[in-house]
Amino acid sequence: MTQINTGFGFSVAPIRVGIVGTGFAAKLRAETLVADARSNLVAVAGHNQETTAAFCQTFGAEAEVSWRKLVERDDLDLIIVCTVNRDHGAIVLAALENDKHVVVEYPLSLDVSEAQRAIELAAQKQKLLHIEHIELLGGLHSSIKESLPLIGKVFYARYVTITAVRSVPQRWTFQHSLFGFPLIGAISRLHRFTDLFGEATSVNCQTQFWDTQPDFYKASLCNAQLRFANGVLAEAVYGKGETFWQSENIFTIYGEAGTLIFTPESGQLIQGENRQTIKVGTRRGLFAKDTEMVLDSLLNGTPLYVKNTSSLYALKVADAARRSSETRQNVAIDNS
C-alpha cells in the first residue's frame, strides 16, 4: 500500500474503512466505498447481530462485535459513524484517540463541550474530522445562495419543515435520549441559517412534545427565532409525528428588493407582479458525493465543502435554542 501525506498525517491507498451502523446512511456509504477503488470496506459494527451479519455479507465486510473493538483495530484508517445521535461524540473521541480519521453524520455530539474536545483532538492528532452536512451539498441550498443577491438586503427568513407521520413507530428518532433536543438532532435546519447569515446573537425557542412513554414521543414541535449580527431575523419551525396532518417544507426569505420562496423541488423570485421560477438541483446521490469528497480530501488534500468548526458553531446555536426552550427565556449566544 502507498502512504500519502494528506495534510492530516499519512493515509494509505486504498483507505481501509470501518463503519459504525447499518441503517440508511451506512448503506449508502458502503455502496460508494465498495464501488471506489480508492477505498476498502473492512469491518462494520452494528446494534443488532443479525442485521450486522446481513449487512456485512452484502458488502463483503467483517462483522465486529462492538464499536469499541472497531475503533481499536490496527487495520483501519477511517471510521464512519452512522449510528444514533447519542453515541456520536463518544465514538468520534475514541476513534481519534486510536489515531483514526473520522466521518460522522450530524450532529457531531449532543454536547457542545464534547464536540469541542473532538475538534481539538483531531487537530492535535492531525486527523480528518468531517461532519456530514449534505444539506449544504444539495441543489436547494446552492440555489438559495445563488439567488440571495437578487432580493437586496435580507431582513427576515422563515424555514418550515414539518413531517406528518401516521402511527409513529417506536424508533430512536422519536426517543429523547437517543435523538437529542430536536434542533440538535436536526441541526441542518439551523446550519442552513448560519451558513447563509453568519453569526447569531440571540435565540428564543419554544418546544412541545406529545410524550407516550417517559423516553418516547409521538410528535414534537420546535419554533426558534434567531437574531443575527447582520440584522436578519430568522425563524425555524421543525415538527414531526402523529399530531401533524400535513407535511410542509418551505424556505422563505424576505429582502428589500424581493422575496424568495423555495421548496425542495423548485423556487420562486417574487418582485411585485413579476414572478420568476428558479430551478433547484437534485437531492439524489448526496451521501455518495460526500463520501467521494472525503476520499479526495484524504488522498489529495482537496478541501471539503464544510469545516468542522462551522458545524460546531451551528451546534452552539442549537444548544442555545435548547437552553431557551428549557428556561423559557431569550438566550444570548457567545461569539467570543
C-alpha atoms as a PDB file:
ATOM      1  CA  MET A   1       0.000   0.000   0.000  1.00  0.00           C
ATOM      2  CA  THR A   2       1.127   3.546  -0.778  1.00  0.00           C
ATOM      3  CA  GLN A   3       1.363   6.093   2.007  1.00  0.00           C
ATOM      4  CA  ILE A   4       0.296   9.613   1.103  1.00  0.00           C
ATOM      5  CA  ASN A   5       0.729  12.800   3.112  1.00  0.00           C
ATOM      6  CA  THR A   6      -2.772  14.292   3.224  1.00  0.00           C
ATOM      7  CA  GLY A   7      -2.102  17.276   5.425  1.00  0.00           C
ATOM      8  CA  PHE A   8      -3.739  15.354   8.268  1.00  0.00           C
ATOM      9  CA  GLY A   9      -0.805  12.944   8.579  1.00  0.00           C
ATOM     10  CA  PHE A  10      -0.331   9.884   6.402  1.00  0.00           C
ATOM     11  CA  SER A  11      -3.120   7.784   4.919  1.00  0.00           C
ATOM     12  CA  VAL A  12      -2.918   4.644   2.852  1.00  0.00           C
ATOM     13  CA  ALA A  13      -4.368   3.947  -0.565  1.00  0.00           C
ATOM     14  CA  PRO A  14      -6.721   2.190  -0.704  1.00  0.00           C
ATOM     15  CA  ILE A  15      -8.085   3.693   2.506  1.00  0.00           C
ATOM     16  CA  ARG A  16      -9.243   0.977   4.906  1.00  0.00           C
ATOM     17  CA  VAL A  17     -12.649   1.838   6.338  1.00  0.00           C
ATOM     18  CA  GLY A  18     -14.796   0.723   9.249  1.00  0.00           C
ATOM     19  CA  ILE A  19     -18.458   1.735   9.604  1.00  0.00           C
ATOM     20  CA  VAL A  20     -20.457   2.057  12.817  1.00  0.00           C
ATOM     21  CA  GLY A  21     -24.109   1.467  11.953  1.00  0.00           C
ATOM     22  CA  THR A  22     -26.159  -0.491   9.428  1.00  0.00           C
ATOM     23  CA  GLY A  23     -29.007   1.907   8.614  1.00  0.00           C
ATOM     24  CA  PHE A  24     -29.876   4.042   5.603  1.00  0.00           C
ATOM     25  CA  ALA A  25     -26.813   6.322   5.670  1.00  0.00           C
ATOM     26  CA  ALA A  26     -24.447   3.399   6.383  1.00  0.00           C
ATOM     27  CA  LYS A  27     -25.830   1.523   3.376  1.00  0.00           C
ATOM     28  CA  LEU A  28     -25.297   4.479   1.041  1.00  0.00           C
ATOM     29  CA  ARG A  29     -21.770   4.980   2.393  1.00  0.00           C
ATOM     30  CA  ALA A  30     -20.971   1.283   1.959  1.00  0.00           C
ATOM     31  CA  GLU A  31     -22.240   1.236  -1.633  1.00  0.00           C
ATOM     32  CA  THR A  32     -19.930   4.113  -2.512  1.00  0.00           C
ATOM     33  CA  LEU A  33     -16.919   2.652  -0.697  1.00  0.00           C
ATOM     34  CA  VAL A  34     -17.109  -0.771  -2.350  1.00  0.00           C
ATOM     35  CA  ALA A  35     -17.530   0.834  -5.789  1.00  0.00           C
ATOM     36  CA  ASP A  36     -14.468   3.086  -5.390  1.00  0.00           C
ATOM     37  CA  ALA A  37     -11.028   1.554  -5.923  1.00  0.00           C
ATOM     38  CA  ARG A  38      -9.538   4.109  -3.515  1.00  0.00           C
ATOM     39  CA  SER A  39     -11.297   2.548  -0.515  1.00  0.00           C
ATOM     40  CA  ASN A  40     -11.731  -0.849   1.092  1.00  0.00           C
ATOM     41  CA  LEU A  41     -14.627  -1.503   3.461  1.00  0.00           C
ATOM     42  CA  VAL A  42     -13.028  -3.805   6.018  1.00  0.00           C
ATOM     43  CA  ALA A  43     -15.365  -4.080   9.012  1.00  0.00           C
ATOM     44  CA  VAL A  44     -18.747  -2.986  10.358  1.00  0.00           C
ATOM     45  CA  ALA A  45     -20.138  -2.741  13.889  1.00  0.00           C
ATOM     46  CA  GLY A  46     -23.905  -2.589  14.315  1.00  0.00           C
ATOM     47  CA  HIS A  47     -26.501  -2.635  17.076  1.00  0.00           C
ATOM     48  CA  ASN A  48     -28.168  -5.884  16.007  1.00  0.00           C
ATOM     49  CA  GLN A  49     -26.066  -9.002  15.382  1.00  0.00           C
ATOM     50  CA  GLU A  50     -28.295 -10.456  12.652  1.00  0.00           C
ATOM     51  CA  THR A  51     -28.690  -7.147  10.823  1.00  0.00           C
ATOM     52  CA  THR A  52     -24.947  -6.549  11.008  1.00  0.00           C
ATOM     53  CA  ALA A  53     -24.185 -10.017   9.635  1.00  0.00           C
ATOM     54  CA  ALA A  54     -26.547  -9.488   6.691  1.00  0.00           C
ATOM     55  CA  PHE A  55     -25.059  -6.025   6.028  1.00  0.00           C
ATOM     56  CA  CYS A  56     -21.533  -7.443   6.040  1.00  0.00           C
ATOM     57  CA  GLN A  57     -22.491 -10.273   3.725  1.00  0.00           C
ATOM     58  CA  THR A  58     -23.940  -7.780   1.254  1.00  0.00           C
ATOM     59  CA  PHE A  59     -20.820  -5.618   1.212  1.00  0.00           C
ATOM     60  CA  GLY A  60     -18.085  -8.203   1.800  1.00  0.00           C
ATOM     61  CA  ALA A  61     -17.014  -6.841   5.176  1.00  0.00           C
ATOM     62  CA  GLU A  62     -16.208  -8.391   8.528  1.00  0.00           C
ATOM     63  CA  ALA A  63     -18.675  -8.041  11.416  1.00  0.00           C
ATOM     64  CA  GLU A  64     -17.094  -6.562  14.545  1.00  0.00           C
ATOM     65  CA  VAL A  65     -18.583  -7.208  17.987  1.00  0.00           C
ATOM     66  CA  SER A  66     -18.756  -3.566  19.063  1.00  0.00           C
ATOM     67  CA  TRP A  67     -17.823  -0.063  18.002  1.00  0.00           C
ATOM     68  CA  ARG A  68     -15.192  -0.012  20.734  1.00  0.00           C
ATOM     69  CA  LYS A  69     -13.461  -3.018  19.184  1.00  0.00           C
ATOM     70  CA  LEU A  70     -13.848  -1.489  15.734  1.00  0.00           C
ATOM     71  CA  VAL A  71     -12.042   1.770  16.555  1.00  0.00           C
ATOM     72  CA  GLU A  72      -9.187  -0.150  18.197  1.00  0.00           C
ATOM     73  CA  ARG A  73      -8.361  -2.188  15.068  1.00  0.00           C
ATOM     74  CA  ASP A  74      -4.941  -1.600  13.542  1.00  0.00           C
ATOM     75  CA  ASP A  75      -6.137  -2.418  10.028  1.00  0.00           C
ATOM     76  CA  LEU A  76      -8.392   0.641   9.693  1.00  0.00           C
ATOM     77  CA  ASP A  77      -7.558   4.197   8.624  1.00  0.00           C
ATOM     78  CA  LEU A  78     -11.018   5.759   8.634  1.00  0.00           C
ATOM     79  CA  ILE A  79     -14.086   5.308  10.837  1.00  0.00           C
ATOM     80  CA  ILE A  80     -17.502   6.398   9.531  1.00  0.00           C
ATOM     81  CA  VAL A  81     -20.105   6.914  12.249  1.00  0.00           C
ATOM     82  CA  CYS A  82     -23.718   6.313  11.146  1.00  0.00           C
ATOM     83  CA  THR A  83     -25.465   5.401  14.382  1.00  0.00           C
ATOM     84  CA  VAL A  84     -27.818   7.033  16.908  1.00  0.00           C
ATOM     85  CA  ASN A  85     -27.062  10.662  17.766  1.00  0.00           C
ATOM     86  CA  ARG A  86     -26.432   9.948  21.463  1.00  0.00           C
ATOM     87  CA  ASP A  87     -23.310   7.898  20.688  1.00  0.00           C
ATOM     88  CA  HIS A  88     -21.671  10.148  18.089  1.00  0.00           C
ATOM     89  CA  GLY A  89     -19.395  12.096  20.421  1.00  0.00           C
ATOM     90  CA  ALA A  90     -18.098   9.078  22.357  1.00  0.00           C
ATOM     91  CA  ILE A  91     -17.337   7.098  19.187  1.00  0.00           C
ATOM     92  CA  VAL A  92     -15.628  10.052  17.490  1.00  0.00           C
ATOM     93  CA  LEU A  93     -13.392  10.702  20.515  1.00  0.00           C
ATOM     94  CA  ALA A  94     -12.476   7.014  20.825  1.00  0.00           C
ATOM     95  CA  ALA A  95     -11.676   6.776  17.119  1.00  0.00           C
ATOM     96  CA  LEU A  96      -9.459   9.859  17.240  1.00  0.00           C
ATOM     97  CA  GLU A  97      -7.718   8.579  20.372  1.00  0.00           C
ATOM     98  CA  ASN A  98      -6.942   5.431  18.359  1.00  0.00           C
ATOM     99  CA  ASP A  99      -5.438   7.569  15.571  1.00  0.00           C
ATOM    100  CA  LYS A 100      -8.198   7.172  13.012  1.00  0.00           C
ATOM    101  CA  HIS A 101      -9.618   9.684  10.564  1.00  0.00           C
ATOM    102  CA  VAL A 102     -13.337  10.172  11.254  1.00  0.00           C
ATOM    103  CA  VAL A 103     -16.501  10.949   9.323  1.00  0.00           C
ATOM    104  CA  VAL A 104     -19.680  11.372  11.378  1.00  0.00           C
ATOM    105  CA  GLU A 105     -23.271  12.138  10.422  1.00  0.00           C
ATOM    106  CA  TYR A 106     -24.542  15.307  12.040  1.00  0.00           C
ATOM    107  CA  PRO A 107     -24.620  16.198  14.881  1.00  0.00           C
ATOM    108  CA  LEU A 108     -21.011  15.727  15.959  1.00  0.00           C
ATOM    109  CA  SER A 109     -22.283  15.332  19.522  1.00  0.00           C
ATOM    110  CA  LEU A 110     -25.336  16.149  21.614  1.00  0.00           C
ATOM    111  CA  ASP A 111     -22.971  18.002  23.966  1.00  0.00           C
ATOM    112  CA  VAL A 112     -21.139  21.162  22.882  1.00  0.00           C
ATOM    113  CA  SER A 113     -18.131  20.636  25.169  1.00  0.00           C
ATOM    114  CA  GLU A 114     -17.680  17.070  23.898  1.00  0.00           C
ATOM    115  CA  ALA A 115     -17.847  18.308  20.302  1.00  0.00           C
ATOM    116  CA  GLN A 116     -15.247  20.982  21.089  1.00  0.00           C
ATOM    117  CA  ARG A 117     -12.925  18.356  22.588  1.00  0.00           C
ATOM    118  CA  ALA A 118     -13.275  16.193  19.481  1.00  0.00           C
ATOM    119  CA  ILE A 119     -12.312  19.041  17.147  1.00  0.00           C
ATOM    120  CA  GLU A 120      -9.335  19.957  19.330  1.00  0.00           C
ATOM    121  CA  LEU A 121      -8.214  16.313  19.477  1.00  0.00           C
ATOM    122  CA  ALA A 122      -8.462  15.939  15.689  1.00  0.00           C
ATOM    123  CA  ALA A 123      -6.241  18.996  15.235  1.00  0.00           C
ATOM    124  CA  GLN A 124      -3.789  17.698  17.824  1.00  0.00           C
ATOM    125  CA  LYS A 125      -3.642  14.251  16.193  1.00  0.00           C
ATOM    126  CA  GLN A 126      -3.573  15.738  12.666  1.00  0.00           C
ATOM    127  CA  LYS A 127      -6.546  13.605  11.699  1.00  0.00           C
ATOM    128  CA  LEU A 128      -9.506  14.420   9.490  1.00  0.00           C
ATOM    129  CA  LEU A 129     -12.734  15.015  11.402  1.00  0.00           C
ATOM    130  CA  HIS A 130     -15.546  15.623   8.917  1.00  0.00           C
ATOM    131  CA  ILE A 131     -19.145  16.161   9.976  1.00  0.00           C
ATOM    132  CA  GLU A 132     -21.567  15.363   7.164  1.00  0.00           C
ATOM    133  CA  HIS A 133     -23.840  18.258   6.246  1.00  0.00           C
ATOM    134  CA  ILE A 134     -25.349  17.172   2.958  1.00  0.00           C
ATOM    135  CA  GLU A 135     -27.927  19.965   3.202  1.00  0.00           C
ATOM    136  CA  LEU A 136     -25.101  22.254   2.027  1.00  0.00           C
ATOM    137  CA  LEU A 137     -24.347  19.997  -0.957  1.00  0.00           C
ATOM    138  CA  GLY A 138     -27.891  19.789  -2.294  1.00  0.00           C
ATOM    139  CA  GLY A 139     -29.438  21.806  -5.076  1.00  0.00           C
ATOM    140  CA  LEU A 140     -31.776  23.668  -2.717  1.00  0.00           C
ATOM    141  CA  HIS A 141     -29.011  25.335  -0.711  1.00  0.00           C
ATOM    142  CA  SER A 142     -26.982  26.144  -3.819  1.00  0.00           C
ATOM    143  CA  SER A 143     -29.998  27.808  -5.434  1.00  0.00           C
ATOM    144  CA  ILE A 144     -30.737  29.827  -2.291  1.00  0.00           C
ATOM    145  CA  LYS A 145     -27.158  31.127  -2.064  1.00  0.00           C
ATOM    146  CA  GLU A 146     -27.029  32.000  -5.761  1.00  0.00           C
ATOM    147  CA  SER A 147     -30.381  33.819  -5.574  1.00  0.00           C
ATOM    148  CA  LEU A 148     -29.813  35.901  -2.439  1.00  0.00           C
ATOM    149  CA  PRO A 149     -28.221  38.892  -4.261  1.00  0.00           C
ATOM    150  CA  LEU A 150     -31.424  39.227  -6.335  1.00  0.00           C
ATOM    151  CA  ILE A 151     -33.514  40.383  -3.355  1.00  0.00           C
ATOM    152  CA  GLY A 152     -31.198  43.004  -1.885  1.00  0.00           C
ATOM    153  CA  LYS A 153     -30.755  43.359   1.871  1.00  0.00           C
ATOM    154  CA  VAL A 154     -32.352  40.395   3.639  1.00  0.00           C
ATOM    155  CA  PHE A 155     -34.308  41.231   6.812  1.00  0.00           C
ATOM    156  CA  TYR A 156     -36.373  38.093   7.552  1.00  0.00           C
ATOM    157  CA  ALA A 157     -36.192  34.374   6.774  1.00  0.00           C
ATOM    158  CA  ARG A 158     -38.501  31.544   7.733  1.00  0.00           C
ATOM    159  CA  TYR A 159     -37.733  27.834   7.319  1.00  0.00           C
ATOM    160  CA  VAL A 160     -40.565  25.381   7.997  1.00  0.00           C
ATOM    161  CA  THR A 161     -40.058  21.612   7.885  1.00  0.00           C
ATOM    162  CA  ILE A 162     -42.975  19.578   9.198  1.00  0.00           C
ATOM    163  CA  THR A 163     -43.279  15.845   8.629  1.00  0.00           C
ATOM    164  CA  ALA A 164     -46.673  14.253   9.225  1.00  0.00           C
ATOM    165  CA  VAL A 165     -46.334  10.620  10.302  1.00  0.00           C
ATOM    166  CA  ARG A 166     -49.273   8.314  10.812  1.00  0.00           C
ATOM    167  CA  SER A 167     -48.734   5.739  13.545  1.00  0.00           C
ATOM    168  CA  VAL A 168     -45.219   6.650  14.713  1.00  0.00           C
ATOM    169  CA  PRO A 169     -43.084   3.534  15.213  1.00  0.00           C
ATOM    170  CA  GLN A 170     -41.029   3.207  18.382  1.00  0.00           C
ATOM    171  CA  ARG A 171     -37.873   4.387  16.624  1.00  0.00           C
ATOM    172  CA  TRP A 172     -34.821   6.145  18.030  1.00  0.00           C
ATOM    173  CA  THR A 173     -35.645   9.327  16.101  1.00  0.00           C
ATOM    174  CA  PHE A 174     -38.671   9.734  18.412  1.00  0.00           C
ATOM    175  CA  GLN A 175     -36.700   8.962  21.563  1.00  0.00           C
ATOM    176  CA  HIS A 176     -35.448  11.857  23.716  1.00  0.00           C
ATOM    177  CA  SER A 177     -32.258  10.150  24.914  1.00  0.00           C
ATOM    178  CA  LEU A 178     -31.115   8.876  21.507  1.00  0.00           C
ATOM    179  CA  PHE A 179     -32.121  11.702  19.141  1.00  0.00           C
ATOM    180  CA  GLY A 180     -31.452  14.619  21.469  1.00  0.00           C
ATOM    181  CA  PHE A 181     -33.125  18.023  21.551  1.00  0.00           C
ATOM    182  CA  PRO A 182     -34.965  18.299  18.191  1.00  0.00           C
ATOM    183  CA  LEU A 183     -32.982  21.223  16.779  1.00  0.00           C
ATOM    184  CA  ILE A 184     -29.719  19.497  17.765  1.00  0.00           C
ATOM    185  CA  GLY A 185     -30.738  16.146  16.283  1.00  0.00           C
ATOM    186  CA  ALA A 186     -31.949  18.006  13.185  1.00  0.00           C
ATOM    187  CA  ILE A 187     -29.156  20.580  13.264  1.00  0.00           C
ATOM    188  CA  SER A 188     -29.215  21.031   9.488  1.00  0.00           C
ATOM    189  CA  ARG A 189     -32.166  23.431   9.910  1.00  0.00           C
ATOM    190  CA  LEU A 190     -30.103  25.916  11.889  1.00  0.00           C
ATOM    191  CA  HIS A 191     -26.914  25.222   9.946  1.00  0.00           C
ATOM    192  CA  ARG A 192     -28.612  26.486   6.785  1.00  0.00           C
ATOM    193  CA  PHE A 193     -29.208  29.780   8.612  1.00  0.00           C
ATOM    194  CA  THR A 194     -25.670  30.150   9.994  1.00  0.00           C
ATOM    195  CA  ASP A 195     -24.178  29.292   6.603  1.00  0.00           C
ATOM    196  CA  LEU A 196     -26.342  31.928   4.902  1.00  0.00           C
ATOM    197  CA  PHE A 197     -26.364  34.698   7.523  1.00  0.00           C
ATOM    198  CA  GLY A 198     -23.263  34.219   9.692  1.00  0.00           C
ATOM    199  CA  GLU A 199     -23.133  34.793  13.442  1.00  0.00           C
ATOM    200  CA  ALA A 200     -26.297  34.660  15.511  1.00  0.00           C
ATOM    201  CA  THR A 201     -26.543  36.904  18.563  1.00  0.00           C
ATOM    202  CA  SER A 202     -29.608  35.515  20.352  1.00  0.00           C
ATOM    203  CA  VAL A 203     -32.299  32.847  20.182  1.00  0.00           C
ATOM    204  CA  ASN A 204     -35.743  32.377  21.661  1.00  0.00           C
ATOM    205  CA  CYS A 205     -37.191  28.879  21.347  1.00  0.00           C
ATOM    206  CA  GLN A 206     -40.438  27.147  22.295  1.00  0.00           C
ATOM    207  CA  THR A 207     -40.841  23.370  22.201  1.00  0.00           C
ATOM    208  CA  GLN A 208     -43.736  20.998  22.681  1.00  0.00           C
ATOM    209  CA  PHE A 209     -43.676  17.198  22.945  1.00  0.00           C
ATOM    210  CA  TRP A 210     -46.533  14.726  22.850  1.00  0.00           C
ATOM    211  CA  ASP A 211     -44.996  12.031  25.053  1.00  0.00           C
ATOM    212  CA  THR A 212     -46.327   8.476  25.031  1.00  0.00           C
ATOM    213  CA  GLN A 213     -43.749   6.991  27.423  1.00  0.00           C
ATOM    214  CA  PRO A 214     -41.035   8.548  29.613  1.00  0.00           C
ATOM    215  CA  ASP A 215     -38.461   8.450  26.786  1.00  0.00           C
ATOM    216  CA  PHE A 216     -40.688   8.328  23.673  1.00  0.00           C
ATOM    217  CA  TYR A 217     -42.967  10.821  21.976  1.00  0.00           C
ATOM    218  CA  LYS A 218     -45.440  10.554  19.130  1.00  0.00           C
ATOM    219  CA  ALA A 219     -44.845  14.144  17.988  1.00  0.00           C
ATOM    220  CA  SER A 220     -42.694  17.187  18.642  1.00  0.00           C
ATOM    221  CA  LEU A 221     -42.690  20.832  17.589  1.00  0.00           C
ATOM    222  CA  CYS A 222     -39.894  23.410  17.852  1.00  0.00           C
ATOM    223  CA  ASN A 223     -40.133  27.083  16.981  1.00  0.00           C
ATOM    224  CA  ALA A 224     -36.902  29.084  17.233  1.00  0.00           C
ATOM    225  CA  GLN A 225     -36.494  32.793  16.494  1.00  0.00           C
ATOM    226  CA  LEU A 226     -32.906  33.877  15.876  1.00  0.00           C
ATOM    227  CA  ARG A 227     -31.382  37.327  15.622  1.00  0.00           C
ATOM    228  CA  PHE A 228     -28.209  37.592  13.519  1.00  0.00           C
ATOM    229  CA  ALA A 229     -25.371  40.077  13.833  1.00  0.00           C
ATOM    230  CA  ASN A 230     -26.131  41.423  10.338  1.00  0.00           C
ATOM    231  CA  GLY A 231     -29.679  42.307  11.416  1.00  0.00           C
ATOM    232  CA  VAL A 232     -31.519  39.356   9.893  1.00  0.00           C
ATOM    233  CA  LEU A 233     -34.363  37.900  11.928  1.00  0.00           C
ATOM    234  CA  ALA A 234     -34.875  34.189  11.186  1.00  0.00           C
ATOM    235  CA  GLU A 235     -37.457  31.670  12.282  1.00  0.00           C
ATOM    236  CA  ALA A 236     -37.034  27.898  12.202  1.00  0.00           C
ATOM    237  CA  VAL A 237     -40.090  25.660  12.606  1.00  0.00           C
ATOM    238  CA  TYR A 238     -39.391  21.938  12.922  1.00  0.00           C
ATOM    239  CA  GLY A 239     -42.108  19.408  13.643  1.00  0.00           C
ATOM    240  CA  LYS A 240     -42.729  15.711  13.119  1.00  0.00           C
ATOM    241  CA  GLY A 241     -45.112  12.988  14.158  1.00  0.00           C
ATOM    242  CA  GLU A 242     -48.747  11.999  14.510  1.00  0.00           C
ATOM    243  CA  THR A 243     -50.078  15.394  15.639  1.00  0.00           C
ATOM    244  CA  PHE A 244     -49.481  16.836  12.163  1.00  0.00           C
ATOM    245  CA  TRP A 245     -51.887  16.025   9.351  1.00  0.00           C
ATOM    246  CA  GLN A 246     -49.966  17.658   6.523  1.00  0.00           C
ATOM    247  CA  SER A 247     -46.251  17.825   5.753  1.00  0.00           C
ATOM    248  CA  GLU A 248     -44.603  21.098   4.777  1.00  0.00           C
ATOM    249  CA  ASN A 249     -41.130  22.053   3.578  1.00  0.00           C
ATOM    250  CA  ILE A 250     -40.736  25.700   2.613  1.00  0.00           C
ATOM    251  CA  PHE A 251     -37.928  28.239   2.930  1.00  0.00           C
ATOM    252  CA  THR A 252     -38.981  31.898   2.546  1.00  0.00           C
ATOM    253  CA  ILE A 253     -36.528  34.793   2.504  1.00  0.00           C
ATOM    254  CA  TYR A 254     -37.672  38.416   2.535  1.00  0.00           C
ATOM    255  CA  GLY A 255     -35.357  41.088   1.114  1.00  0.00           C
ATOM    256  CA  GLU A 256     -35.826  44.791   0.464  1.00  0.00           C
ATOM    257  CA  ALA A 257     -35.797  44.112  -3.309  1.00  0.00           C
ATOM    258  CA  GLY A 258     -37.861  40.924  -3.436  1.00  0.00           C
ATOM    259  CA  THR A 259     -38.895  37.643  -1.855  1.00  0.00           C
ATOM    260  CA  LEU A 260     -37.580  34.123  -2.425  1.00  0.00           C
ATOM    261  CA  ILE A 261     -39.763  31.070  -1.799  1.00  0.00           C
ATOM    262  CA  PHE A 262     -38.206  27.625  -2.043  1.00  0.00           C
ATOM    263  CA  THR A 263     -39.442  24.065  -1.723  1.00  0.00           C
ATOM    264  CA  PRO A 264     -37.124  21.060  -2.234  1.00  0.00           C
ATOM    265  CA  GLU A 265     -38.346  20.871  -5.847  1.00  0.00           C
ATOM    266  CA  SER A 266     -38.331  24.489  -7.054  1.00  0.00           C
ATOM    267  CA  GLY A 267     -38.021  28.147  -6.180  1.00  0.00           C
ATOM    268  CA  GLN A 268     -39.665  31.464  -6.973  1.00  0.00           C
ATOM    269  CA  LEU A 269     -38.383  35.020  -7.094  1.00  0.00           C
ATOM    270  CA  ILE A 270     -41.204  37.483  -6.414  1.00  0.00           C
ATOM    271  CA  GLN A 271     -40.778  41.183  -7.165  1.00  0.00           C
ATOM    272  CA  GLY A 272     -44.148  42.915  -7.311  1.00  0.00           C
ATOM    273  CA  GLU A 273     -46.162  41.437 -10.174  1.00  0.00           C
ATOM    274  CA  ASN A 274     -43.123  39.672 -11.556  1.00  0.00           C
ATOM    275  CA  ARG A 275     -42.630  36.008 -10.636  1.00  0.00           C
ATOM    276  CA  GLN A 276     -39.635  34.076 -11.856  1.00  0.00           C
ATOM    277  CA  THR A 277     -39.136  30.324 -11.446  1.00  0.00           C
ATOM    278  CA  ILE A 278     -35.784  29.186 -10.065  1.00  0.00           C
ATOM    279  CA  LYS A 279     -34.540  25.691 -10.794  1.00  0.00           C
ATOM    280  CA  VAL A 280     -33.466  23.554  -7.856  1.00  0.00           C
ATOM    281  CA  GLY A 281     -30.940  20.770  -8.409  1.00  0.00           C
ATOM    282  CA  THR A 282     -31.343  17.190  -7.325  1.00  0.00           C
ATOM    283  CA  ARG A 283     -31.112  15.809  -3.804  1.00  0.00           C
ATOM    284  CA  ARG A 284     -30.087  12.387  -5.078  1.00  0.00           C
ATOM    285  CA  GLY A 285     -26.635  10.925  -4.525  1.00  0.00           C
ATOM    286  CA  LEU A 286     -25.527  13.336  -1.792  1.00  0.00           C
ATOM    287  CA  PHE A 287     -24.177  10.698   0.613  1.00  0.00           C
ATOM    288  CA  ALA A 288     -22.149   9.223  -2.254  1.00  0.00           C
ATOM    289  CA  LYS A 289     -20.865  12.682  -3.174  1.00  0.00           C
ATOM    290  CA  ASP A 290     -19.930  13.384   0.450  1.00  0.00           C
ATOM    291  CA  THR A 291     -18.066  10.042   0.691  1.00  0.00           C
ATOM    292  CA  GLU A 292     -16.188  10.653  -2.546  1.00  0.00           C
ATOM    293  CA  MET A 293     -15.168  14.117  -1.349  1.00  0.00           C
ATOM    294  CA  VAL A 294     -13.801  12.609   1.872  1.00  0.00           C
ATOM    295  CA  LEU A 295     -11.626  10.213  -0.150  1.00  0.00           C
ATOM    296  CA  ASP A 296     -10.459  13.132  -2.308  1.00  0.00           C
ATOM    297  CA  SER A 297      -9.553  15.069   0.819  1.00  0.00           C
ATOM    298  CA  LEU A 298      -7.637  12.219   2.423  1.00  0.00           C
ATOM    299  CA  LEU A 299      -5.705  11.229  -0.679  1.00  0.00           C
ATOM    300  CA  ASN A 300      -5.261  14.544  -2.491  1.00  0.00           C
ATOM    301  CA  GLY A 301      -5.689  17.151   0.234  1.00  0.00           C
ATOM    302  CA  THR A 302      -8.739  18.586  -1.539  1.00  0.00           C
ATOM    303  CA  PRO A 303     -10.661  20.981   0.754  1.00  0.00           C
ATOM    304  CA  LEU A 304     -14.048  19.746   1.920  1.00  0.00           C
ATOM    305  CA  TYR A 305     -17.277  21.698   1.463  1.00  0.00           C
ATOM    306  CA  VAL A 306     -17.786  22.320   5.186  1.00  0.00           C
ATOM    307  CA  LYS A 307     -15.433  22.997   8.102  1.00  0.00           C
ATOM    308  CA  ASN A 308     -15.915  21.112  11.339  1.00  0.00           C
ATOM    309  CA  THR A 309     -15.765  24.443  13.190  1.00  0.00           C
ATOM    310  CA  SER A 310     -18.811  25.614  11.191  1.00  0.00           C
ATOM    311  CA  SER A 311     -20.703  22.532  12.335  1.00  0.00           C
ATOM    312  CA  LEU A 312     -19.597  23.215  15.918  1.00  0.00           C
ATOM    313  CA  TYR A 313     -20.916  26.774  15.680  1.00  0.00           C
ATOM    314  CA  ALA A 314     -24.304  25.548  14.445  1.00  0.00           C
ATOM    315  CA  LEU A 315     -24.308  23.132  17.398  1.00  0.00           C
ATOM    316  CA  LYS A 316     -23.664  26.039  19.793  1.00  0.00           C
ATOM    317  CA  VAL A 317     -26.649  27.884  18.328  1.00  0.00           C
ATOM    318  CA  ALA A 318     -28.833  24.760  18.575  1.00  0.00           C
ATOM    319  CA  ASP A 319     -27.764  24.256  22.187  1.00  0.00           C
ATOM    320  CA  ALA A 320     -28.684  27.858  22.935  1.00  0.00           C
ATOM    321  CA  ALA A 321     -32.122  27.065  21.490  1.00  0.00           C
ATOM    322  CA  ARG A 322     -32.343  24.084  23.850  1.00  0.00           C
ATOM    323  CA  ARG A 323     -31.487  26.248  26.849  1.00  0.00           C
ATOM    324  CA  SER A 324     -34.001  28.870  25.760  1.00  0.00           C
ATOM    325  CA  SER A 325     -36.694  26.212  25.493  1.00  0.00           C
ATOM    326  CA  GLU A 326     -35.918  24.891  28.976  1.00  0.00           C
ATOM    327  CA  THR A 327     -35.716  28.301  30.686  1.00  0.00           C
ATOM    328  CA  ARG A 328     -38.410  29.973  28.559  1.00  0.00           C
ATOM    329  CA  GLN A 329     -36.095  32.942  28.165  1.00  0.00           C
ATOM    330  CA  ASN A 330     -34.218  34.624  25.356  1.00  0.00           C
ATOM    331  CA  VAL A 331     -30.616  33.303  25.305  1.00  0.00           C
ATOM    332  CA  ALA A 332     -27.640  35.373  24.120  1.00  0.00           C
ATOM    333  CA  ILE A 333     -25.100  33.491  22.007  1.00  0.00           C
ATOM    334  CA  ASP A 334     -21.444  33.840  22.983  1.00  0.00           C
ATOM    335  CA  ASN A 335     -19.443  34.550  19.812  1.00  0.00           C
ATOM    336  CA  SER A 336     -16.132  35.226  21.550  1.00  0.00           C
END
